[in-house]
Amino acid sequence: MVISDPTLRELSDYWEELRNGRAAPYRSEIDPRHFESALENMFILEHLGGSNVRIRLAGMTLCEMMGMELRGMSLRALMRMNDRVALDTALGQVLGGPCIAHLELDAHAPSGDHRPAEMILLPLRSDFGEVSRILGCLQVKGRLDTDVPPVRLSIRAANIRTIEVKAGSEPGKPPRGPGFAEPAPGFAHAPAPFRAIEGGARKPGTERRRGHLRLVDRD
């Protein structure tokens, strides 16, 4: 599996380091401070049963591409109609293997502008231990005309790699920390808490697109 985008490679390497021979790390082990330059392009998916996989958290770039807040939507909404079955197959392999998926894509703007893109999908455990989350990131190569959303994605190739698990490795217990941990259960009618995750680090040689990024996660 060849990942050409440096941001995706960095995220994949961080995920590999965290899992340390296990099938997948816990979501709560993921610390966004280790990949701030990817926060605008990353997302967390949640498997709700069957083929129902929803966006639990999305970075600003993905929301701008679609022209709306993506929380609670299916990732299929980003795809062209003919590519949604292929995406479902890749998601099923990531969760069921578990496996890593690297998708070679094309991003299409309504204006007719299009650019090559890459997406990586990495399995995560929930705090209950099952592989029911996916850490993903989408990178579009070059500047795409996104003034009139939505942007749609098509799949050129789906590369799937089975995860090698070390003999005797255990999932361990989920840590509690500053990352994407699930919140502790509260009162039945208590409002869901918001958490703002700081990000938007400037890449070397580039200017920051906006003054500051706050990735807000309400679980």
C-alpha atoms as a PDB file:
ATOM      1  CA  MET A   1       0.000   0.000   0.000  1.00  0.00           C
ATOM      2  CA  VAL A   2       1.610   3.256  -1.165  1.00  0.00           C
ATOM      3  CA  ILE A   3       0.339   6.455   0.494  1.00  0.00           C
ATOM      4  CA  SER A   4       1.731   9.407  -1.437  1.00  0.00           C
ATOM      5  CA  ASP A   5       0.285  12.248   0.656  1.00  0.00           C
ATOM      6  CA  PRO A   6       2.638  13.170   3.554  1.00  0.00           C
ATOM      7  CA  THR A   7      -0.219  14.154   5.895  1.00  0.00           C
ATOM      8  CA  LEU A   8      -1.916  10.787   5.415  1.00  0.00           C
ATOM      9  CA  ARG A   9       1.400   8.980   5.918  1.00  0.00           C
ATOM     10  CA  GLU A  10       1.984  10.904   9.148  1.00  0.00           C
ATOM     11  CA  LEU A  11      -1.475  10.004  10.441  1.00  0.00           C
ATOM     12  CA  SER A  12      -1.027   6.343   9.442  1.00  0.00           C
ATOM     13  CA  ASP A  13       2.377   6.167  11.148  1.00  0.00           C
ATOM     14  CA  TYR A  14       0.914   7.695  14.326  1.00  0.00           C
ATOM     15  CA  TRP A  15      -1.926   5.155  14.293  1.00  0.00           C
ATOM     16  CA  GLU A  16       0.554   2.273  13.809  1.00  0.00           C
ATOM     17  CA  GLU A  17       2.628   3.493  16.733  1.00  0.00           C
ATOM     18  CA  LEU A  18      -0.448   3.661  18.966  1.00  0.00           C
ATOM     19  CA  ARG A  19      -1.788   0.230  18.118  1.00  0.00           C
ATOM     20  CA  ASN A  20       1.613  -1.368  18.924  1.00  0.00           C
ATOM     21  CA  GLY A  21       0.816  -4.770  17.452  1.00  0.00           C
ATOM     22  CA  ARG A  22      -2.858  -4.801  18.445  1.00  0.00           C
ATOM     23  CA  ALA A  23      -5.707  -4.987  15.930  1.00  0.00           C
ATOM     24  CA  ALA A  24      -6.584  -1.322  16.598  1.00  0.00           C
ATOM     25  CA  PRO A  25      -6.002   1.398  19.198  1.00  0.00           C
ATOM     26  CA  TYR A  26      -8.800   2.896  21.271  1.00  0.00           C
ATOM     27  CA  ARG A  27     -10.430   6.088  20.073  1.00  0.00           C
ATOM     28  CA  SER A  28      -9.542   7.609  23.452  1.00  0.00           C
ATOM     29  CA  GLU A  29      -5.835   7.024  22.727  1.00  0.00           C
ATOM     30  CA  ILE A  30      -5.949   9.346  19.712  1.00  0.00           C
ATOM     31  CA  ASP A  31      -4.467  12.689  20.705  1.00  0.00           C
ATOM     32  CA  PRO A  32      -5.207  15.366  18.063  1.00  0.00           C
ATOM     33  CA  ARG A  33      -2.217  17.404  19.216  1.00  0.00           C
ATOM     34  CA  HIS A  34      -0.019  14.903  17.372  1.00  0.00           C
ATOM     35  CA  PHE A  35      -1.528  15.699  13.949  1.00  0.00           C
ATOM     36  CA  GLU A  36      -2.799  19.266  14.138  1.00  0.00           C
ATOM     37  CA  SER A  37      -2.063  19.904  10.451  1.00  0.00           C
ATOM     38  CA  ALA A  38      -4.586  17.162   9.533  1.00  0.00           C
ATOM     39  CA  LEU A  39      -7.466  18.254  11.781  1.00  0.00           C
ATOM     40  CA  GLU A  40      -9.305  20.276   9.130  1.00  0.00           C
ATOM     41  CA  ASN A  41      -9.349  17.221   6.837  1.00  0.00           C
ATOM     42  CA  MET A  42      -9.943  14.395   9.304  1.00  0.00           C
ATOM     43  CA  PHE A  43     -13.101  12.670  10.494  1.00  0.00           C
ATOM     44  CA  ILE A  44     -14.313   9.996  12.906  1.00  0.00           C
ATOM     45  CA  LEU A  45     -16.918   7.457  11.789  1.00  0.00           C
ATOM     46  CA  GLU A  46     -19.146   5.350  14.052  1.00  0.00           C
ATOM     47  CA  HIS A  47     -20.612   1.970  13.103  1.00  0.00           C
ATOM     48  CA  LEU A  48     -24.221   1.823  14.327  1.00  0.00           C
ATOM     49  CA  GLY A  49     -24.964  -1.693  13.084  1.00  0.00           C
ATOM     50  CA  GLY A  50     -25.369  -3.363   9.703  1.00  0.00           C
ATOM     51  CA  SER A  51     -24.215  -1.048   6.939  1.00  0.00           C
ATOM     52  CA  ASN A  52     -25.077   2.073   8.957  1.00  0.00           C
ATOM     53  CA  VAL A  53     -21.824   4.036   9.391  1.00  0.00           C
ATOM     54  CA  ARG A  54     -22.222   7.684  10.352  1.00  0.00           C
ATOM     55  CA  ILE A  55     -19.926  10.687  10.699  1.00  0.00           C
ATOM     56  CA  ARG A  56     -19.419  11.421  14.377  1.00  0.00           C
ATOM     57  CA  LEU A  57     -16.917  14.240  13.964  1.00  0.00           C
ATOM     58  CA  ALA A  58     -15.670  16.093  10.858  1.00  0.00           C
ATOM     59  CA  GLY A  59     -13.064  18.748  10.185  1.00  0.00           C
ATOM     60  CA  MET A  60     -13.855  22.127   8.682  1.00  0.00           C
ATOM     61  CA  THR A  61     -12.609  21.318   5.170  1.00  0.00           C
ATOM     62  CA  LEU A  62     -15.059  18.429   4.740  1.00  0.00           C
ATOM     63  CA  CYS A  63     -17.968  20.571   5.941  1.00  0.00           C
ATOM     64  CA  GLU A  64     -16.978  23.344   3.513  1.00  0.00           C
ATOM     65  CA  MET A  65     -16.818  20.834   0.655  1.00  0.00           C
ATOM     66  CA  MET A  66     -20.408  19.804   1.325  1.00  0.00           C
ATOM     67  CA  GLY A  67     -21.655  23.240   2.401  1.00  0.00           C
ATOM     68  CA  MET A  68     -23.157  21.883   5.617  1.00  0.00           C
ATOM     69  CA  GLU A  69     -22.425  20.330   8.993  1.00  0.00           C
ATOM     70  CA  LEU A  70     -21.711  16.621   8.436  1.00  0.00           C
ATOM     71  CA  ARG A  71     -22.202  15.265  11.938  1.00  0.00           C
ATOM     72  CA  GLY A  72     -24.697  12.407  11.891  1.00  0.00           C
ATOM     73  CA  MET A  73     -24.595  12.008   8.097  1.00  0.00           C
ATOM     74  CA  SER A  74     -23.367   8.986   6.183  1.00  0.00           C
ATOM     75  CA  LEU A  75     -19.949   9.220   4.526  1.00  0.00           C
ATOM     76  CA  ARG A  76     -21.783   8.061   1.402  1.00  0.00           C
ATOM     77  CA  ALA A  77     -23.084  11.634   1.068  1.00  0.00           C
ATOM     78  CA  LEU A  78     -19.618  12.695  -0.087  1.00  0.00           C
ATOM     79  CA  MET A  79     -19.537  10.105  -2.871  1.00  0.00           C
ATOM     80  CA  ARG A  80     -20.978  10.072  -6.349  1.00  0.00           C
ATOM     81  CA  MET A  81     -23.925   7.701  -6.623  1.00  0.00           C
ATOM     82  CA  ASN A  82     -22.062   5.029  -8.601  1.00  0.00           C
ATOM     83  CA  ASP A  83     -19.248   4.853  -6.030  1.00  0.00           C
ATOM     84  CA  ARG A  84     -21.281   4.397  -2.862  1.00  0.00           C
ATOM     85  CA  VAL A  85     -21.358   0.595  -2.982  1.00  0.00           C
ATOM     86  CA  ALA A  86     -17.567   0.501  -3.341  1.00  0.00           C
ATOM     87  CA  LEU A  87     -17.269   2.776  -0.303  1.00  0.00           C
ATOM     88  CA  ASP A  88     -19.613   0.535   1.705  1.00  0.00           C
ATOM     89  CA  THR A  89     -17.426  -2.461   0.800  1.00  0.00           C
ATOM     90  CA  ALA A  90     -14.272  -0.664   1.956  1.00  0.00           C
ATOM     91  CA  LEU A  91     -15.887   0.419   5.238  1.00  0.00           C
ATOM     92  CA  GLY A  92     -17.066  -3.136   5.886  1.00  0.00           C
ATOM     93  CA  GLN A  93     -13.554  -4.475   5.359  1.00  0.00           C
ATOM     94  CA  VAL A  94     -12.009  -1.865   7.663  1.00  0.00           C
ATOM     95  CA  LEU A  95     -14.437  -2.723  10.469  1.00  0.00           C
ATOM     96  CA  GLY A  96     -14.656  -6.458   9.879  1.00  0.00           C
ATOM     97  CA  GLY A  97     -11.009  -7.328   9.238  1.00  0.00           C
ATOM     98  CA  PRO A  98     -10.027  -5.120  10.728  1.00  0.00           C
ATOM     99  CA  CYS A  99      -8.137  -3.674   7.772  1.00  0.00           C
ATOM    100  CA  ILE A 100      -6.651  -0.407   6.574  1.00  0.00           C
ATOM    101  CA  ALA A 101      -8.166   1.169   3.456  1.00  0.00           C
ATOM    102  CA  HIS A 102      -6.404   3.658   1.204  1.00  0.00           C
ATOM    103  CA  LEU A 103      -8.696   5.117  -1.460  1.00  0.00           C
ATOM    104  CA  GLU A 104      -7.423   6.854  -4.585  1.00  0.00           C
ATOM    105  CA  LEU A 105     -10.130   9.358  -5.500  1.00  0.00           C
ATOM    106  CA  ASP A 106     -11.151  12.202  -7.750  1.00  0.00           C
ATOM    107  CA  ALA A 107     -12.877  15.230  -6.204  1.00  0.00           C
ATOM    108  CA  HIS A 108     -15.482  16.866  -8.482  1.00  0.00           C
ATOM    109  CA  ALA A 109     -16.814  20.403  -7.977  1.00  0.00           C
ATOM    110  CA  PRO A 110     -20.176  21.457  -9.482  1.00  0.00           C
ATOM    111  CA  SER A 111     -18.265  23.879 -11.734  1.00  0.00           C
ATOM    112  CA  GLY A 112     -16.639  20.930 -13.501  1.00  0.00           C
ATOM    113  CA  ASP A 113     -13.323  21.464 -11.751  1.00  0.00           C
ATOM    114  CA  HIS A 114     -11.801  18.222 -10.493  1.00  0.00           C
ATOM    115  CA  ARG A 115      -8.635  17.183  -8.671  1.00  0.00           C
ATOM    116  CA  PRO A 116      -7.058  13.884  -7.575  1.00  0.00           C
ATOM    117  CA  ALA A 117      -7.501  13.051  -3.899  1.00  0.00           C
ATOM    118  CA  GLU A 118      -6.607  10.418  -1.324  1.00  0.00           C
ATOM    119  CA  MET A 119      -8.447   9.058   1.697  1.00  0.00           C
ATOM    120  CA  ILE A 120      -7.239   6.787   4.465  1.00  0.00           C
ATOM    121  CA  LEU A 121      -9.506   4.786   6.786  1.00  0.00           C
ATOM    122  CA  LEU A 122      -8.045   3.389  10.024  1.00  0.00           C
ATOM    123  CA  PRO A 123     -10.027   1.219  12.495  1.00  0.00           C
ATOM    124  CA  LEU A 124     -10.456   2.237  16.133  1.00  0.00           C
ATOM    125  CA  ARG A 125     -11.932   0.609  19.227  1.00  0.00           C
ATOM    126  CA  SER A 126     -14.677   2.228  21.239  1.00  0.00           C
ATOM    127  CA  ASP A 127     -14.310   2.416  25.013  1.00  0.00           C
ATOM    128  CA  PHE A 128     -16.206  -0.895  25.149  1.00  0.00           C
ATOM    129  CA  GLY A 129     -13.431  -2.593  23.179  1.00  0.00           C
ATOM    130  CA  GLU A 130     -15.189  -3.398  19.903  1.00  0.00           C
ATOM    131  CA  VAL A 131     -13.891  -2.104  16.574  1.00  0.00           C
ATOM    132  CA  SER A 132     -16.756   0.268  15.804  1.00  0.00           C
ATOM    133  CA  ARG A 133     -14.980   3.542  14.989  1.00  0.00           C
ATOM    134  CA  ILE A 134     -12.895   4.649  12.011  1.00  0.00           C
ATOM    135  CA  LEU A 135     -10.314   7.424  11.936  1.00  0.00           C
ATOM    136  CA  GLY A 136     -10.207   8.915   8.458  1.00  0.00           C
ATOM    137  CA  CYS A 137      -8.589  11.734   6.560  1.00  0.00           C
ATOM    138  CA  LEU A 138      -9.214  13.187   3.082  1.00  0.00           C
ATOM    139  CA  GLN A 139      -6.600  15.147   1.157  1.00  0.00           C
ATOM    140  CA  VAL A 140      -7.344  16.857  -2.168  1.00  0.00           C
ATOM    141  CA  LYS A 141      -4.275  17.600  -4.282  1.00  0.00           C
ATOM    142  CA  GLY A 142      -4.249  21.212  -5.371  1.00  0.00           C
ATOM    143  CA  ARG A 143      -6.852  23.917  -4.841  1.00  0.00           C
ATOM    144  CA  LEU A 144     -10.365  22.860  -5.787  1.00  0.00           C
ATOM    145  CA  ASP A 145     -13.155  25.287  -6.707  1.00  0.00           C
ATOM    146  CA  THR A 146     -15.412  24.905  -3.658  1.00  0.00           C
ATOM    147  CA  ASP A 147     -17.251  28.238  -3.875  1.00  0.00           C
ATOM    148  CA  VAL A 148     -20.430  26.398  -4.871  1.00  0.00           C
ATOM    149  CA  PRO A 149     -20.725  23.124  -2.901  1.00  0.00           C
ATOM    150  CA  PRO A 150     -21.198  20.228  -2.776  1.00  0.00           C
ATOM    151  CA  VAL A 151     -18.018  18.501  -3.893  1.00  0.00           C
ATOM    152  CA  ARG A 152     -18.460  14.803  -4.721  1.00  0.00           C
ATOM    153  CA  LEU A 153     -15.872  12.038  -4.699  1.00  0.00           C
ATOM    154  CA  SER A 154     -15.361   9.138  -7.082  1.00  0.00           C
ATOM    155  CA  ILE A 155     -13.134   6.117  -6.444  1.00  0.00           C
ATOM    156  CA  ARG A 156     -10.337   5.233  -8.859  1.00  0.00           C
ATOM    157  CA  ALA A 157      -8.837   2.467  -6.711  1.00  0.00           C
ATOM    158  CA  ALA A 158      -9.461   0.966  -3.274  1.00  0.00           C
ATOM    159  CA  ASN A 159      -6.364  -0.541  -1.646  1.00  0.00           C
ATOM    160  CA  ILE A 160      -7.053  -2.758   1.356  1.00  0.00           C
ATOM    161  CA  ARG A 161      -4.391  -4.111   3.710  1.00  0.00           C
ATOM    162  CA  THR A 162      -5.073  -6.686   6.419  1.00  0.00           C
ATOM    163  CA  ILE A 163      -3.673  -5.681   9.798  1.00  0.00           C
ATOM    164  CA  GLU A 164      -1.011  -7.947  11.229  1.00  0.00           C
ATOM    165  CA  VAL A 165      -1.637  -8.611  14.915  1.00  0.00           C
ATOM    166  CA  LYS A 166       1.182  -9.722  17.194  1.00  0.00           C
ATOM    167  CA  ALA A 167       0.585 -13.015  18.969  1.00  0.00           C
ATOM    168  CA  GLY A 168      -0.509 -12.463  22.547  1.00  0.00           C
ATOM    169  CA  SER A 169      -1.258  -8.786  22.114  1.00  0.00           C
ATOM    170  CA  GLU A 170      -4.195  -7.562  24.170  1.00  0.00           C
ATOM    171  CA  PRO A 171      -6.482  -4.567  23.592  1.00  0.00           C
ATOM    172  CA  GLY A 172      -5.732  -3.253  27.098  1.00  0.00           C
ATOM    173  CA  LYS A 173      -7.951  -0.800  28.932  1.00  0.00           C
ATOM    174  CA  PRO A 174      -9.109   2.452  27.331  1.00  0.00           C
ATOM    175  CA  PRO A 175      -7.170   5.437  28.686  1.00  0.00           C
ATOM    176  CA  ARG A 176      -8.781   8.713  29.661  1.00  0.00           C
ATOM    177  CA  GLY A 177      -7.005  11.724  28.254  1.00  0.00           C
ATOM    178  CA  PRO A 178      -7.182  14.889  26.154  1.00  0.00           C
ATOM    179  CA  GLY A 179      -7.929  13.079  22.903  1.00  0.00           C
ATOM    180  CA  PHE A 180     -11.119  11.780  21.286  1.00  0.00           C
ATOM    181  CA  ALA A 181     -12.297   9.856  24.371  1.00  0.00           C
ATOM    182  CA  GLU A 182     -15.946   8.969  24.829  1.00  0.00           C
ATOM    183  CA  PRO A 183     -17.478  11.052  27.638  1.00  0.00           C
ATOM    184  CA  ALA A 184     -18.515   9.398  30.878  1.00  0.00           C
ATOM    185  CA  PRO A 185     -22.281   8.724  31.045  1.00  0.00           C
ATOM    186  CA  GLY A 186     -24.285  11.363  32.904  1.00  0.00           C
ATOM    187  CA  PHE A 187     -27.915  11.963  33.808  1.00  0.00           C
ATOM    188  CA  ALA A 188     -30.485  10.688  31.335  1.00  0.00           C
ATOM    189  CA  HIS A 189     -31.715  14.184  30.463  1.00  0.00           C
ATOM    190  CA  ALA A 190     -28.447  16.065  30.796  1.00  0.00           C
ATOM    191  CA  PRO A 191     -27.406  18.001  27.673  1.00  0.00           C
ATOM    192  CA  ALA A 192     -24.603  16.467  25.640  1.00  0.00           C
ATOM    193  CA  PRO A 193     -21.296  18.226  26.375  1.00  0.00           C
ATOM    194  CA  PHE A 194     -19.303  20.084  23.742  1.00  0.00           C
ATOM    195  CA  ARG A 195     -15.520  19.728  23.582  1.00  0.00           C
ATOM    196  CA  ALA A 196     -13.415  22.122  21.506  1.00  0.00           C
ATOM    197  CA  ILE A 197     -10.245  20.561  20.132  1.00  0.00           C
ATOM    198  CA  GLU A 198      -7.641  23.113  19.193  1.00  0.00           C
ATOM    199  CA  GLY A 199      -5.983  22.753  15.816  1.00  0.00           C
ATOM    200  CA  GLY A 200      -5.237  24.382  12.506  1.00  0.00           C
ATOM    201  CA  ALA A 201      -1.449  24.251  12.768  1.00  0.00           C
ATOM    202  CA  ARG A 202       0.318  25.911   9.885  1.00  0.00           C
ATOM    203  CA  LYS A 203       2.289  23.658   7.559  1.00  0.00           C
ATOM    204  CA  PRO A 204       5.877  24.752   6.790  1.00  0.00           C
ATOM    205  CA  GLY A 205       5.975  27.229   3.907  1.00  0.00           C
ATOM    206  CA  THR A 206       2.208  27.881   3.891  1.00  0.00           C
ATOM    207  CA  GLU A 207      -0.104  30.486   5.369  1.00  0.00           C
ATOM    208  CA  ARG A 208      -2.840  29.607   7.813  1.00  0.00           C
ATOM    209  CA  ARG A 209      -6.194  29.602   5.983  1.00  0.00           C
ATOM    210  CA  ARG A 210      -8.102  31.045   8.938  1.00  0.00           C
ATOM    211  CA  GLY A 211      -7.208  32.679  12.188  1.00  0.00           C
ATOM    212  CA  HIS A 212      -7.892  29.618  14.325  1.00  0.00           C
ATOM    213  CA  LEU A 213      -9.573  26.239  14.157  1.00  0.00           C
ATOM    214  CA  ARG A 214     -11.734  24.818  16.909  1.00  0.00           C
ATOM    215  CA  LEU A 215     -12.952  21.322  16.113  1.00  0.00           C
ATOM    216  CA  VAL A 216     -16.083  20.929  18.225  1.00  0.00           C
ATOM    217  CA  ASP A 217     -17.119  17.447  19.289  1.00  0.00           C
ATOM    218  CA  ARG A 218     -20.445  16.846  21.009  1.00  0.00           C
ATOM    219  CA  ASP A 219     -20.815  13.171  22.016  1.00  0.00           C
END
